[in-house]
């Protein structure tokens, strides 16, 4: 058994307890060997605290380590496995402790507690984007100069998957333009086009526009994207495609969610199952 007097917690003998530590949490066991990152795993039963011991290990090394931990647990060893590697914790922990600033937030079944932890992380990430000004940092800017994109403003630098998003594109016209078009394109971090539209496609006529005018176009959409990093390209151009000002990857933003979803579009499928049995006649 591994005991932590300050927290009134103990890990029962012959178990693997996964621990997620957040904030200023310091675990000081009364009766266990502490193994720091890179240390060799034990080869005999005992009480051990693995303090991010496997953080430098690759996938193969972690797989061998999990097999070794499970074998030693069957022989009576007790492990406190401190890690932020959720897959590692799910693969071998009997229970998960979630600690924050030396306080126990929750403990329980790995699948249930990690789902709760992921929801917490998604919420914290989403809240971190509020009030954050996303600077213009285009990878490429070009155009004939008749207009200038002054700002590209998203309502948050981190959006929750499915959240209603508001994007404002402000364009100042240096010269008169008969029929300007203002558009956007959302891309993944590797440049895959995700979604694009413009005022012409949306049936919104902006011109004619005089020199000195500034037009702000608001694009509202549900951010049904998978968690990840994205960019927004913004531009002002003529209907025939001649650019006044084109800002490639003008701003970057992130999408968070409480669960992993593969791909780009988060379609939020509703799943069901049915079973049928076949009886054999005699």
Foldseek 3Di string as FASTA:
>chain_A
DWDQVLARDDFDWLFEEEEEEAAPADTDTPAEDEAEACGDDDQAADEYEDHCNCVVPDPVVLVVVLVSVNVNSVVTHYYYYYDPPLVSCLSGHQKYFYYYPNYTPDMGGSVVVLLVVLQVVLVVVQVVFAPDFWAFDFPDKDAPQQKDWPDWGKRTQEAEAQAKIKIKIKMAGQAWDAWKKKKKWKAAPVGHTDDIDICVRVVHTDDGDHHGDMDMDMDIDGRQWFWHKMFMKIFMADPVRHTNMTGHRGGMGTYGYSDGDDDTGNPPDDDDDDDDDDDDDD
